[in-house]
Amino acid sequence: MEAVEESTDPRVRLWAPVGQAVALLLGPYAEVVLHDPDADRILAIWNPMSSRSPGDSSLLGELDGLDPSARDVFGPYEKLLADGRRLSSVSAVLRDADGKARAVLCVNLDRTPLEQAAAVLSAFGAPTAPRPEPLFEQDWTERVQHIVGAYVRECGRPVERLTRADRLAVLARLDEARVFAVRRAAPVVTSALRVSRSTLYGLLAELRAPSTKDHTE
């Protein structure tokens, strides 16, 4: 898991607990590398994901070219391994009391298990076939839940935060689906919309009232 130079550098002694802690927490999916920015070489590496080892070239660029507004912490940014794995990486410039950059700590997290888990969850969560409507034709309570749930997903607000206009729109859909032609529909609808029965009847009266524009010439 750990590779450190034989003649242990004081910077390695100082930062090794941090490198070990991160590698233990995220291992075996994270590589932690401590770089010497002056000599451009690797000081230590924990859980290496490639053939790199202490003493190898770091191939770091000039620190002076980094964005000074980043406050010495950069990322997460994407990297790729030769085998195609995608990494999310962060780099931190470690400075001494005088502000001189003494080391650069990089953490490279393998995103493969996260992507695999996301794919599995997506496959479970996504419907794979149309809903068999004949099975639900007689289940008007299912129709109520479906209509209200579809509207909630469209507007992006929970049922409790639906506005009066929202509730009128939902009731219009329920009315079009002939839900209110069914006896005892009111308690089911009030439960689904989380409103009182008096509020429901008031909204229905408003919905069905003739428009002020509809008048006899």
N, C-alpha and C. Protein backbone atom coordinates (compact mmCIF):
# COMPACT_ATOMS: atom_id res chain seq x y z
N MET A 1 0.82 -1.21 0.00
CA MET A 1 0.00 0.00 0.00
C MET A 1 0.85 1.25 0.00
N GLU A 2 2.07 1.20 0.59
CA GLU A 2 2.86 2.40 0.81
C GLU A 2 4.24 2.25 0.20
N ALA A 3 4.70 3.35 -0.42
CA ALA A 3 6.07 3.37 -0.95
C ALA A 3 6.70 4.70 -0.57
N VAL A 4 7.78 4.65 0.20
CA VAL A 4 8.44 5.86 0.69
C VAL A 4 9.93 5.71 0.45
N GLU A 5 10.60 6.85 0.19
CA GLU A 5 12.05 6.81 -0.01
C GLU A 5 12.76 6.25 1.21
N GLU A 6 13.88 5.55 0.95
CA GLU A 6 14.64 4.95 2.06
C GLU A 6 15.15 6.03 3.01
N SER A 7 15.78 7.09 2.46
CA SER A 7 16.25 8.18 3.31
C SER A 7 15.07 9.13 3.49
N THR A 8 14.28 8.88 4.51
CA THR A 8 13.00 9.57 4.66
C THR A 8 13.19 11.07 4.79
N ASP A 9 12.58 11.78 3.88
CA ASP A 9 12.61 13.23 3.84
C ASP A 9 11.75 13.78 4.98
N PRO A 10 12.14 14.89 5.62
CA PRO A 10 11.33 15.44 6.71
C PRO A 10 9.91 15.79 6.27
N ARG A 11 9.75 16.12 4.99
CA ARG A 11 8.41 16.41 4.51
C ARG A 11 7.54 15.16 4.48
N VAL A 12 8.18 14.02 4.21
CA VAL A 12 7.45 12.75 4.23
C VAL A 12 7.03 12.43 5.66
N ARG A 13 7.95 12.63 6.61
CA ARG A 13 7.61 12.37 8.01
C ARG A 13 6.46 13.26 8.46
N LEU A 14 6.44 14.50 7.95
CA LEU A 14 5.41 15.45 8.34
C LEU A 14 4.05 15.09 7.76
N TRP A 15 4.04 14.69 6.48
CA TRP A 15 2.77 14.51 5.78
C TRP A 15 2.35 13.05 5.60
N ALA A 16 3.20 12.12 5.99
CA ALA A 16 2.85 10.71 5.84
C ALA A 16 1.55 10.33 6.54
N PRO A 17 1.28 10.81 7.76
CA PRO A 17 0.00 10.44 8.39
C PRO A 17 -1.21 10.88 7.58
N VAL A 18 -1.09 12.03 6.89
CA VAL A 18 -2.21 12.49 6.07
C VAL A 18 -2.38 11.56 4.87
N GLY A 19 -1.27 11.25 4.19
CA GLY A 19 -1.34 10.36 3.04
C GLY A 19 -1.88 8.99 3.41
N GLN A 20 -1.41 8.45 4.53
CA GLN A 20 -1.87 7.14 4.97
C GLN A 20 -3.35 7.17 5.34
N ALA A 21 -3.78 8.25 6.00
CA ALA A 21 -5.18 8.35 6.42
C ALA A 21 -6.12 8.39 5.22
N VAL A 22 -5.78 9.20 4.22
CA VAL A 22 -6.63 9.30 3.03
C VAL A 22 -6.65 7.97 2.28
N ALA A 23 -5.48 7.33 2.15
CA ALA A 23 -5.41 6.06 1.43
C ALA A 23 -6.19 4.97 2.16
N LEU A 24 -6.15 4.98 3.49
CA LEU A 24 -6.91 3.99 4.25
C LEU A 24 -8.41 4.22 4.12
N LEU A 25 -8.80 5.48 4.13
CA LEU A 25 -10.22 5.79 4.05
C LEU A 25 -10.81 5.45 2.69
N LEU A 26 -10.09 5.77 1.63
CA LEU A 26 -10.61 5.60 0.27
C LEU A 26 -10.06 4.38 -0.45
N GLY A 27 -9.09 3.69 0.17
CA GLY A 27 -8.51 2.52 -0.47
C GLY A 27 -9.53 1.41 -0.63
N PRO A 28 -9.35 0.58 -1.65
CA PRO A 28 -8.24 0.57 -2.60
C PRO A 28 -8.48 1.42 -3.84
N TYR A 29 -9.35 2.41 -3.72
CA TYR A 29 -9.75 3.18 -4.90
C TYR A 29 -9.09 4.54 -5.01
N ALA A 30 -8.16 4.85 -4.10
CA ALA A 30 -7.50 6.16 -4.16
C ALA A 30 -6.00 6.01 -4.06
N GLU A 31 -5.32 6.73 -4.92
CA GLU A 31 -3.86 6.83 -4.90
C GLU A 31 -3.51 8.19 -4.32
N VAL A 32 -2.57 8.21 -3.37
CA VAL A 32 -2.14 9.46 -2.75
C VAL A 32 -0.65 9.63 -3.04
N VAL A 33 -0.29 10.78 -3.59
CA VAL A 33 1.10 11.01 -4.01
C VAL A 33 1.60 12.32 -3.41
N LEU A 34 2.78 12.28 -2.82
CA LEU A 34 3.43 13.47 -2.29
C LEU A 34 4.61 13.82 -3.19
N HIS A 35 4.59 15.02 -3.75
CA HIS A 35 5.61 15.45 -4.71
C HIS A 35 6.53 16.51 -4.13
N ASP A 36 7.76 16.50 -4.61
CA ASP A 36 8.73 17.55 -4.32
C ASP A 36 8.71 18.51 -5.51
N PRO A 37 8.16 19.73 -5.36
CA PRO A 37 8.04 20.63 -6.50
C PRO A 37 9.39 21.19 -6.97
N ASP A 38 10.37 21.27 -6.08
CA ASP A 38 11.68 21.82 -6.46
C ASP A 38 12.47 20.81 -7.29
N ALA A 39 12.55 19.58 -6.82
CA ALA A 39 13.30 18.54 -7.54
C ALA A 39 12.44 17.84 -8.59
N ASP A 40 11.15 18.13 -8.62
CA ASP A 40 10.19 17.50 -9.54
C ASP A 40 10.31 15.98 -9.46
N ARG A 41 10.15 15.46 -8.25
CA ARG A 41 10.20 14.01 -8.07
C ARG A 41 9.17 13.61 -7.03
N ILE A 42 8.84 12.33 -7.07
CA ILE A 42 7.88 11.79 -6.11
C ILE A 42 8.59 11.49 -4.80
N LEU A 43 8.05 12.02 -3.71
CA LEU A 43 8.62 11.77 -2.38
C LEU A 43 8.03 10.49 -1.77
N ALA A 44 6.74 10.30 -1.94
CA ALA A 44 6.07 9.13 -1.37
C ALA A 44 4.78 8.88 -2.14
N ILE A 45 4.36 7.64 -2.12
CA ILE A 45 3.11 7.29 -2.80
C ILE A 45 2.42 6.18 -2.03
N TRP A 46 1.14 6.33 -1.82
CA TRP A 46 0.35 5.35 -1.10
C TRP A 46 -0.71 4.78 -2.05
N ASN A 47 -0.82 3.46 -2.04
CA ASN A 47 -1.75 2.76 -2.91
C ASN A 47 -1.53 3.14 -4.38
N PRO A 48 -0.33 2.92 -4.91
CA PRO A 48 -0.05 3.32 -6.30
C PRO A 48 -0.95 2.58 -7.30
N MET A 49 -1.43 3.33 -8.30
CA MET A 49 -2.27 2.75 -9.34
C MET A 49 -1.50 2.51 -10.63
N SER A 50 -0.23 2.88 -10.63
CA SER A 50 0.61 2.65 -11.80
C SER A 50 1.97 2.17 -11.30
N SER A 51 2.95 2.16 -12.17
CA SER A 51 4.28 1.67 -11.79
C SER A 51 5.14 2.75 -11.16
N ARG A 52 4.59 3.91 -10.89
CA ARG A 52 5.37 5.00 -10.30
C ARG A 52 5.82 4.63 -8.88
N SER A 53 6.97 5.18 -8.50
CA SER A 53 7.50 4.94 -7.16
C SER A 53 8.31 6.15 -6.71
N PRO A 54 8.64 6.23 -5.42
CA PRO A 54 9.43 7.36 -4.92
C PRO A 54 10.73 7.51 -5.69
N GLY A 55 11.09 8.76 -6.00
CA GLY A 55 12.29 9.05 -6.77
C GLY A 55 12.00 9.26 -8.24
N ASP A 56 10.86 8.75 -8.73
CA ASP A 56 10.49 8.97 -10.13
C ASP A 56 10.14 10.43 -10.35
N SER A 57 10.24 10.86 -11.60
CA SER A 57 9.91 12.23 -11.94
C SER A 57 8.43 12.50 -11.70
N SER A 58 8.13 13.65 -11.12
CA SER A 58 6.74 14.02 -10.89
C SER A 58 6.10 14.57 -12.16
N LEU A 59 6.90 15.20 -13.00
CA LEU A 59 6.42 15.84 -14.23
C LEU A 59 5.38 16.91 -13.91
N LEU A 60 5.62 17.64 -12.81
CA LEU A 60 4.75 18.75 -12.46
C LEU A 60 5.12 19.98 -13.26
N GLY A 61 4.15 20.82 -13.51
CA GLY A 61 4.43 22.08 -14.16
C GLY A 61 4.90 23.11 -13.14
N GLU A 62 5.10 24.34 -13.61
CA GLU A 62 5.54 25.41 -12.72
C GLU A 62 4.38 25.86 -11.83
N LEU A 63 4.61 25.91 -10.53
CA LEU A 63 3.57 26.33 -9.61
C LEU A 63 3.19 27.79 -9.79
N ASP A 64 4.13 28.58 -10.30
CA ASP A 64 3.85 30.00 -10.49
C ASP A 64 2.75 30.23 -11.54
N GLY A 65 2.53 29.23 -12.37
CA GLY A 65 1.52 29.37 -13.41
C GLY A 65 0.12 29.02 -12.95
N LEU A 66 -0.03 28.60 -11.70
CA LEU A 66 -1.34 28.21 -11.19
C LEU A 66 -2.18 29.44 -10.86
N ASP A 67 -3.47 29.25 -10.86
CA ASP A 67 -4.41 30.33 -10.54
C ASP A 67 -4.25 30.71 -9.07
N PRO A 68 -3.81 31.94 -8.77
CA PRO A 68 -3.59 32.32 -7.37
C PRO A 68 -4.88 32.40 -6.56
N SER A 69 -6.04 32.53 -7.22
CA SER A 69 -7.30 32.63 -6.49
C SER A 69 -7.78 31.28 -5.97
N ALA A 70 -7.12 30.18 -6.37
CA ALA A 70 -7.56 28.84 -5.97
C ALA A 70 -7.14 28.49 -4.54
N ARG A 71 -6.34 29.34 -3.89
CA ARG A 71 -5.91 29.13 -2.50
C ARG A 71 -5.18 27.80 -2.32
N ASP A 72 -4.40 27.42 -3.31
CA ASP A 72 -3.51 26.25 -3.23
C ASP A 72 -4.22 24.91 -3.26
N VAL A 73 -5.51 24.87 -3.51
CA VAL A 73 -6.23 23.61 -3.66
C VAL A 73 -6.91 23.61 -5.02
N PHE A 74 -6.63 22.58 -5.83
CA PHE A 74 -7.11 22.54 -7.20
C PHE A 74 -7.88 21.24 -7.47
N GLY A 75 -9.01 21.38 -8.14
CA GLY A 75 -9.83 20.22 -8.48
C GLY A 75 -11.17 20.24 -7.78
N PRO A 76 -11.92 19.16 -7.91
CA PRO A 76 -11.57 17.92 -8.62
C PRO A 76 -11.51 18.12 -10.13
N TYR A 77 -10.51 17.51 -10.76
CA TYR A 77 -10.37 17.52 -12.21
C TYR A 77 -10.21 16.07 -12.66
N GLU A 78 -10.43 15.84 -13.95
CA GLU A 78 -10.44 14.46 -14.45
C GLU A 78 -9.08 14.06 -15.00
N LYS A 79 -8.72 12.81 -14.72
CA LYS A 79 -7.53 12.20 -15.30
C LYS A 79 -7.92 10.81 -15.81
N LEU A 80 -7.11 10.27 -16.73
CA LEU A 80 -7.37 8.94 -17.27
C LEU A 80 -6.14 8.06 -17.09
N LEU A 81 -6.39 6.79 -16.74
CA LEU A 81 -5.32 5.80 -16.71
C LEU A 81 -5.25 5.11 -18.07
N ALA A 82 -4.14 4.45 -18.34
CA ALA A 82 -3.96 3.80 -19.63
C ALA A 82 -5.00 2.71 -19.89
N ASP A 83 -5.54 2.13 -18.80
CA ASP A 83 -6.54 1.07 -18.97
C ASP A 83 -7.95 1.63 -19.16
N GLY A 84 -8.06 2.95 -19.25
CA GLY A 84 -9.34 3.57 -19.50
C GLY A 84 -10.09 4.04 -18.27
N ARG A 85 -9.58 3.72 -17.10
CA ARG A 85 -10.28 4.15 -15.89
C ARG A 85 -10.22 5.67 -15.75
N ARG A 86 -11.33 6.25 -15.29
CA ARG A 86 -11.41 7.68 -15.08
C ARG A 86 -11.15 7.99 -13.61
N LEU A 87 -10.36 9.02 -13.36
CA LEU A 87 -10.03 9.42 -12.00
C LEU A 87 -10.56 10.83 -11.74
N SER A 88 -10.98 11.06 -10.52
CA SER A 88 -11.25 12.41 -10.04
C SER A 88 -10.08 12.77 -9.13
N SER A 89 -9.41 13.88 -9.44
CA SER A 89 -8.18 14.22 -8.74
C SER A 89 -8.25 15.60 -8.12
N VAL A 90 -7.55 15.72 -6.99
CA VAL A 90 -7.35 17.03 -6.36
C VAL A 90 -5.87 17.16 -6.03
N SER A 91 -5.38 18.40 -6.07
CA SER A 91 -3.98 18.67 -5.73
C SER A 91 -3.94 19.83 -4.75
N ALA A 92 -3.08 19.70 -3.75
CA ALA A 92 -2.93 20.75 -2.74
C ALA A 92 -1.46 21.13 -2.61
N VAL A 93 -1.18 22.41 -2.71
CA VAL A 93 0.19 22.91 -2.52
C VAL A 93 0.40 23.13 -1.03
N LEU A 94 1.41 22.49 -0.46
CA LEU A 94 1.70 22.57 0.97
C LEU A 94 2.87 23.53 1.18
N ARG A 95 2.63 24.56 1.95
CA ARG A 95 3.63 25.61 2.14
C ARG A 95 4.15 25.63 3.57
N ASP A 96 5.37 26.18 3.73
CA ASP A 96 5.93 26.34 5.07
C ASP A 96 5.48 27.67 5.66
N ALA A 97 6.02 28.01 6.83
CA ALA A 97 5.59 29.22 7.52
C ALA A 97 5.89 30.48 6.74
N ASP A 98 6.89 30.42 5.85
CA ASP A 98 7.25 31.59 5.04
C ASP A 98 6.48 31.66 3.73
N GLY A 99 5.59 30.72 3.51
CA GLY A 99 4.80 30.73 2.29
C GLY A 99 5.44 30.03 1.12
N LYS A 100 6.60 29.39 1.32
CA LYS A 100 7.25 28.68 0.22
C LYS A 100 6.61 27.30 0.02
N ALA A 101 6.37 26.95 -1.24
CA ALA A 101 5.78 25.65 -1.55
C ALA A 101 6.81 24.56 -1.25
N ARG A 102 6.53 23.71 -0.29
CA ARG A 102 7.45 22.66 0.12
C ARG A 102 7.10 21.30 -0.48
N ALA A 103 5.81 21.10 -0.78
CA ALA A 103 5.38 19.82 -1.34
C ALA A 103 4.02 20.01 -2.02
N VAL A 104 3.67 19.03 -2.83
CA VAL A 104 2.34 19.01 -3.47
C VAL A 104 1.73 17.64 -3.19
N LEU A 105 0.55 17.65 -2.59
CA LEU A 105 -0.14 16.41 -2.27
C LEU A 105 -1.26 16.20 -3.28
N CYS A 106 -1.27 15.07 -3.96
CA CYS A 106 -2.30 14.75 -4.95
C CYS A 106 -3.06 13.50 -4.53
N VAL A 107 -4.37 13.55 -4.67
CA VAL A 107 -5.23 12.39 -4.39
C VAL A 107 -5.98 12.07 -5.68
N ASN A 108 -5.83 10.83 -6.15
CA ASN A 108 -6.47 10.38 -7.38
C ASN A 108 -7.49 9.29 -7.04
N LEU A 109 -8.76 9.57 -7.22
CA LEU A 109 -9.83 8.64 -6.85
C LEU A 109 -10.36 7.93 -8.10
N ASP A 110 -10.30 6.61 -8.08
CA ASP A 110 -10.83 5.81 -9.18
C ASP A 110 -12.36 5.87 -9.16
N ARG A 111 -12.96 6.37 -10.24
CA ARG A 111 -14.40 6.55 -10.30
C ARG A 111 -15.13 5.29 -10.76
N THR A 112 -14.41 4.23 -11.09
CA THR A 112 -15.04 3.03 -11.64
C THR A 112 -16.14 2.47 -10.74
N PRO A 113 -15.89 2.24 -9.43
CA PRO A 113 -16.97 1.68 -8.61
C PRO A 113 -18.17 2.61 -8.50
N LEU A 114 -17.94 3.93 -8.50
CA LEU A 114 -19.05 4.87 -8.44
C LEU A 114 -19.88 4.81 -9.72
N GLU A 115 -19.20 4.72 -10.86
CA GLU A 115 -19.91 4.64 -12.13
C GLU A 115 -20.68 3.33 -12.25
N GLN A 116 -20.09 2.25 -11.75
CA GLN A 116 -20.79 0.96 -11.79
C GLN A 116 -22.03 0.99 -10.90
N ALA A 117 -21.88 1.57 -9.71
CA ALA A 117 -23.02 1.66 -8.79
C ALA A 117 -24.12 2.53 -9.39
N ALA A 118 -23.73 3.64 -10.03
CA ALA A 118 -24.71 4.53 -10.65
C ALA A 118 -25.46 3.80 -11.77
N ALA A 119 -24.74 2.99 -12.54
CA ALA A 119 -25.37 2.25 -13.63
C ALA A 119 -26.38 1.24 -13.09
N VAL A 120 -26.02 0.55 -11.99
CA VAL A 120 -26.93 -0.43 -11.39
C VAL A 120 -28.18 0.26 -10.86
N LEU A 121 -27.99 1.39 -10.13
CA LEU A 121 -29.13 2.11 -9.58
C LEU A 121 -30.02 2.66 -10.68
N SER A 122 -29.40 3.14 -11.75
CA SER A 122 -30.17 3.68 -12.87
C SER A 122 -31.00 2.58 -13.53
N ALA A 123 -30.41 1.39 -13.65
CA ALA A 123 -31.14 0.28 -14.27
C ALA A 123 -32.33 -0.15 -13.41
N PHE A 124 -32.15 -0.11 -12.08
CA PHE A 124 -33.26 -0.47 -11.20
C PHE A 124 -34.35 0.59 -11.21
N GLY A 125 -33.93 1.86 -11.28
CA GLY A 125 -34.89 2.95 -11.14
C GLY A 125 -35.65 3.29 -12.40
N ALA A 126 -35.14 2.92 -13.57
CA ALA A 126 -35.78 3.33 -14.81
C ALA A 126 -36.76 2.26 -15.29
N PRO A 127 -38.00 2.65 -15.60
CA PRO A 127 -38.94 1.68 -16.17
C PRO A 127 -38.41 1.16 -17.50
N THR A 128 -38.64 -0.10 -17.78
CA THR A 128 -38.14 -0.69 -19.02
C THR A 128 -39.25 -0.95 -20.02
N ALA A 129 -40.50 -0.76 -19.62
CA ALA A 129 -41.62 -1.03 -20.53
C ALA A 129 -42.77 -0.11 -20.17
N PRO A 130 -43.66 0.16 -21.13
CA PRO A 130 -44.83 0.99 -20.83
C PRO A 130 -45.71 0.33 -19.78
N ARG A 131 -46.41 1.16 -19.03
CA ARG A 131 -47.33 0.64 -18.02
C ARG A 131 -48.50 -0.06 -18.71
N PRO A 132 -48.86 -1.27 -18.28
CA PRO A 132 -49.99 -1.98 -18.89
C PRO A 132 -51.31 -1.36 -18.45
N GLU A 133 -51.80 -0.38 -19.19
CA GLU A 133 -52.98 0.38 -18.79
C GLU A 133 -54.21 -0.48 -18.50
N PRO A 134 -54.48 -1.57 -19.28
CA PRO A 134 -55.68 -2.37 -18.97
C PRO A 134 -55.72 -2.88 -17.54
N LEU A 135 -54.54 -3.06 -16.93
CA LEU A 135 -54.51 -3.56 -15.55
C LEU A 135 -55.01 -2.50 -14.57
N PHE A 136 -54.97 -1.23 -14.98
CA PHE A 136 -55.29 -0.15 -14.04
C PHE A 136 -56.57 0.60 -14.41
N GLU A 137 -57.27 0.12 -15.44
CA GLU A 137 -58.46 0.84 -15.89
C GLU A 137 -59.51 0.97 -14.80
N GLN A 138 -59.67 -0.07 -13.99
CA GLN A 138 -60.69 -0.06 -12.95
C GLN A 138 -60.18 0.50 -11.63
N ASP A 139 -58.88 0.63 -11.48
CA ASP A 139 -58.31 1.09 -10.21
C ASP A 139 -58.21 2.61 -10.24
N TRP A 140 -59.31 3.27 -9.90
CA TRP A 140 -59.32 4.73 -9.97
C TRP A 140 -58.44 5.36 -8.89
N THR A 141 -58.20 4.65 -7.78
CA THR A 141 -57.30 5.19 -6.76
C THR A 141 -55.87 5.24 -7.31
N GLU A 142 -55.49 4.23 -8.08
CA GLU A 142 -54.18 4.23 -8.73
C GLU A 142 -54.09 5.40 -9.71
N ARG A 143 -55.20 5.69 -10.39
CA ARG A 143 -55.23 6.79 -11.35
C ARG A 143 -55.00 8.12 -10.63
N VAL A 144 -55.62 8.27 -9.45
CA VAL A 144 -55.43 9.50 -8.67
C VAL A 144 -53.95 9.67 -8.31
N GLN A 145 -53.34 8.61 -7.76
CA GLN A 145 -51.93 8.69 -7.37
C GLN A 145 -51.04 8.99 -8.57
N HIS A 146 -51.36 8.38 -9.70
CA HIS A 146 -50.54 8.56 -10.90
C HIS A 146 -50.62 10.00 -11.41
N ILE A 147 -51.82 10.55 -11.44
CA ILE A 147 -52.00 11.91 -11.96
C ILE A 147 -51.35 12.94 -11.04
N VAL A 148 -51.58 12.80 -9.74
CA VAL A 148 -50.98 13.74 -8.79
C VAL A 148 -49.46 13.61 -8.80
N GLY A 149 -48.96 12.36 -8.78
CA GLY A 149 -47.51 12.15 -8.80
C GLY A 149 -46.85 12.69 -10.04
N ALA A 150 -47.51 12.52 -11.20
CA ALA A 150 -46.95 13.03 -12.45
C ALA A 150 -46.85 14.55 -12.43
N TYR A 151 -47.87 15.20 -11.87
CA TYR A 151 -47.83 16.67 -11.80
C TYR A 151 -46.73 17.14 -10.86
N VAL A 152 -46.58 16.47 -9.73
CA VAL A 152 -45.54 16.85 -8.76
C VAL A 152 -44.16 16.74 -9.40
N ARG A 153 -43.92 15.70 -10.17
CA ARG A 153 -42.63 15.53 -10.83
C ARG A 153 -42.42 16.60 -11.90
N GLU A 154 -43.48 16.99 -12.58
CA GLU A 154 -43.37 18.01 -13.62
C GLU A 154 -43.01 19.37 -13.04
N CYS A 155 -43.68 19.74 -11.96
CA CYS A 155 -43.46 21.08 -11.41
C CYS A 155 -42.27 21.14 -10.47
N GLY A 156 -41.81 19.99 -9.98
CA GLY A 156 -40.62 19.97 -9.14
C GLY A 156 -40.85 20.45 -7.72
N ARG A 157 -42.10 20.48 -7.28
CA ARG A 157 -42.41 20.87 -5.90
C ARG A 157 -43.15 19.73 -5.20
N PRO A 158 -42.93 19.54 -3.90
CA PRO A 158 -43.68 18.51 -3.19
C PRO A 158 -45.15 18.88 -3.07
N VAL A 159 -45.97 17.91 -2.77
CA VAL A 159 -47.42 18.14 -2.70
C VAL A 159 -47.75 19.27 -1.72
N GLU A 160 -47.05 19.30 -0.58
CA GLU A 160 -47.35 20.30 0.45
C GLU A 160 -47.12 21.73 -0.04
N ARG A 161 -46.30 21.90 -1.08
CA ARG A 161 -45.96 23.25 -1.54
C ARG A 161 -46.67 23.62 -2.84
N LEU A 162 -47.64 22.82 -3.25
CA LEU A 162 -48.39 23.17 -4.46
C LEU A 162 -49.20 24.44 -4.20
N THR A 163 -49.20 25.32 -5.18
CA THR A 163 -49.97 26.55 -5.06
C THR A 163 -51.44 26.29 -5.40
N ARG A 164 -52.26 27.30 -5.22
CA ARG A 164 -53.67 27.16 -5.57
C ARG A 164 -53.81 26.87 -7.06
N ALA A 165 -53.03 27.56 -7.88
CA ALA A 165 -53.07 27.32 -9.33
C ALA A 165 -52.65 25.89 -9.65
N ASP A 166 -51.63 25.40 -8.93
CA ASP A 166 -51.20 24.01 -9.13
C ASP A 166 -52.33 23.03 -8.82
N ARG A 167 -53.00 23.25 -7.69
CA ARG A 167 -54.06 22.32 -7.29
C ARG A 167 -55.23 22.36 -8.28
N LEU A 168 -55.53 23.56 -8.79
CA LEU A 168 -56.58 23.65 -9.80
C LEU A 168 -56.19 22.88 -11.06
N ALA A 169 -54.90 22.95 -11.43
CA ALA A 169 -54.43 22.23 -12.62
C ALA A 169 -54.53 20.72 -12.41
N VAL A 170 -54.17 20.26 -11.20
CA VAL A 170 -54.26 18.82 -10.91
C VAL A 170 -55.72 18.37 -10.91
N LEU A 171 -56.58 19.18 -10.30
CA LEU A 171 -57.99 18.81 -10.26
C LEU A 171 -58.60 18.78 -11.66
N ALA A 172 -58.11 19.66 -12.53
CA ALA A 172 -58.60 19.63 -13.91
C ALA A 172 -58.23 18.32 -14.58
N ARG A 173 -57.04 17.83 -14.32
CA ARG A 173 -56.63 16.54 -14.89
C ARG A 173 -57.46 15.40 -14.30
N LEU A 174 -57.69 15.46 -12.99
CA LEU A 174 -58.50 14.41 -12.35
C LEU A 174 -59.93 14.43 -12.87
N ASP A 175 -60.45 15.63 -13.07
CA ASP A 175 -61.81 15.75 -13.58
C ASP A 175 -61.90 15.20 -15.01
N GLU A 176 -60.86 15.51 -15.80
CA GLU A 176 -60.84 15.00 -17.17
C GLU A 176 -60.77 13.47 -17.18
N ALA A 177 -60.10 12.89 -16.18
CA ALA A 177 -60.00 11.44 -16.07
C ALA A 177 -61.24 10.83 -15.43
N ARG A 178 -62.27 11.66 -15.14
CA ARG A 178 -63.55 11.23 -14.59
C ARG A 178 -63.41 10.58 -13.21
N VAL A 179 -62.42 11.04 -12.48
CA VAL A 179 -62.23 10.51 -11.13
C VAL A 179 -63.42 10.88 -10.24
N PHE A 180 -63.93 12.10 -10.40
CA PHE A 180 -64.99 12.56 -9.49
C PHE A 180 -66.35 11.96 -9.82
N ALA A 181 -66.39 11.16 -10.89
CA ALA A 181 -67.63 10.42 -11.18
C ALA A 181 -67.76 9.19 -10.30
N VAL A 182 -66.67 8.85 -9.61
CA VAL A 182 -66.65 7.69 -8.74
C VAL A 182 -67.09 8.10 -7.34
N ARG A 183 -67.97 7.31 -6.72
CA ARG A 183 -68.37 7.59 -5.35
C ARG A 183 -67.17 7.49 -4.41
N ARG A 184 -67.16 8.34 -3.42
CA ARG A 184 -66.11 8.36 -2.39
C ARG A 184 -64.74 8.70 -2.97
N ALA A 185 -64.73 9.47 -4.07
CA ALA A 185 -63.44 9.90 -4.63
C ALA A 185 -62.82 11.02 -3.79
N ALA A 186 -63.69 11.84 -3.19
CA ALA A 186 -63.19 13.01 -2.46
C ALA A 186 -62.16 12.67 -1.38
N PRO A 187 -62.40 11.68 -0.50
CA PRO A 187 -61.39 11.39 0.53
C PRO A 187 -60.05 10.96 -0.05
N VAL A 188 -60.08 10.23 -1.15
CA VAL A 188 -58.83 9.78 -1.77
C VAL A 188 -58.07 10.97 -2.33
N VAL A 189 -58.78 11.89 -2.98
CA VAL A 189 -58.13 13.06 -3.59
C VAL A 189 -57.60 13.99 -2.50
N THR A 190 -58.38 14.21 -1.45
CA THR A 190 -57.90 15.09 -0.37
C THR A 190 -56.64 14.51 0.27
N SER A 191 -56.60 13.20 0.41
CA SER A 191 -55.41 12.56 0.98
C SER A 191 -54.20 12.71 0.06
N ALA A 192 -54.43 12.54 -1.25
CA ALA A 192 -53.32 12.65 -2.19
C ALA A 192 -52.79 14.07 -2.28
N LEU A 193 -53.70 15.06 -2.22
CA LEU A 193 -53.29 16.47 -2.33
C LEU A 193 -52.94 17.09 -0.97
N ARG A 194 -53.23 16.35 0.10
CA ARG A 194 -52.97 16.84 1.46
C ARG A 194 -53.74 18.14 1.75
N VAL A 195 -55.02 18.14 1.42
CA VAL A 195 -55.88 19.29 1.70
C VAL A 195 -57.12 18.79 2.44
N SER A 196 -57.87 19.73 3.01
CA SER A 196 -59.12 19.37 3.69
C SER A 196 -60.22 19.18 2.66
N ARG A 197 -61.30 18.54 3.10
CA ARG A 197 -62.41 18.31 2.17
C ARG A 197 -63.05 19.63 1.77
N SER A 198 -63.15 20.58 2.71
CA SER A 198 -63.75 21.88 2.38
C SER A 198 -62.89 22.61 1.35
N THR A 199 -61.56 22.50 1.47
CA THR A 199 -60.68 23.13 0.48
C THR A 199 -60.87 22.49 -0.88
N LEU A 200 -61.00 21.17 -0.89
CA LEU A 200 -61.20 20.47 -2.15
C LEU A 200 -62.49 20.93 -2.83
N TYR A 201 -63.60 21.00 -2.07
CA TYR A 201 -64.87 21.40 -2.66
C TYR A 201 -64.81 22.85 -3.15
N GLY A 202 -64.08 23.69 -2.42
CA GLY A 202 -63.94 25.07 -2.85
C GLY A 202 -63.17 25.18 -4.15
N LEU A 203 -62.11 24.39 -4.28
CA LEU A 203 -61.32 24.38 -5.52
C LEU A 203 -62.14 23.83 -6.69
N LEU A 204 -62.92 22.78 -6.42
CA LEU A 204 -63.75 22.22 -7.49
C LEU A 204 -64.80 23.23 -7.95
N ALA A 205 -65.38 23.96 -7.00
CA ALA A 205 -66.37 24.97 -7.37
C ALA A 205 -65.73 26.05 -8.23
N GLU A 206 -64.51 26.44 -7.86
CA GLU A 206 -63.80 27.45 -8.64
C GLU A 206 -63.45 26.92 -10.03
N LEU A 207 -63.06 25.65 -10.09
CA LEU A 207 -62.69 25.05 -11.36
C LEU A 207 -63.88 24.97 -12.32
N ARG A 208 -65.03 24.67 -11.77
CA ARG A 208 -66.20 24.43 -12.62
C ARG A 208 -67.06 25.67 -12.82
N ALA A 209 -66.70 26.76 -12.14
CA ALA A 209 -67.49 27.99 -12.29
C ALA A 209 -67.32 28.55 -13.70
N PRO A 210 -68.40 29.12 -14.27
CA PRO A 210 -68.28 29.73 -15.61
C PRO A 210 -67.28 30.86 -15.57
N SER A 211 -66.51 31.02 -16.63
CA SER A 211 -65.55 32.10 -16.70
C SER A 211 -66.27 33.42 -16.75
N THR A 212 -65.64 34.46 -16.22
CA THR A 212 -66.25 35.79 -16.24
C THR A 212 -66.40 36.29 -17.65
N LYS A 213 -65.64 35.66 -18.58
CA LYS A 213 -65.75 36.08 -19.97
C LYS A 213 -66.94 35.45 -20.65
N ASP A 214 -67.50 34.38 -20.05
CA ASP A 214 -68.63 33.69 -20.65
C ASP A 214 -69.92 34.40 -20.17
N HIS A 215 -70.55 35.12 -21.05
CA HIS A 215 -71.78 35.79 -20.68
C HIS A 215 -72.71 35.84 -21.87
N THR A 216 -73.94 36.07 -21.59
CA THR A 216 -74.94 36.13 -22.65
C THR A 216 -74.96 37.52 -23.25
N GLU A 217 -74.88 37.57 -24.55
CA GLU A 217 -74.91 38.86 -25.25
C GLU A 217 -76.29 39.49 -25.02
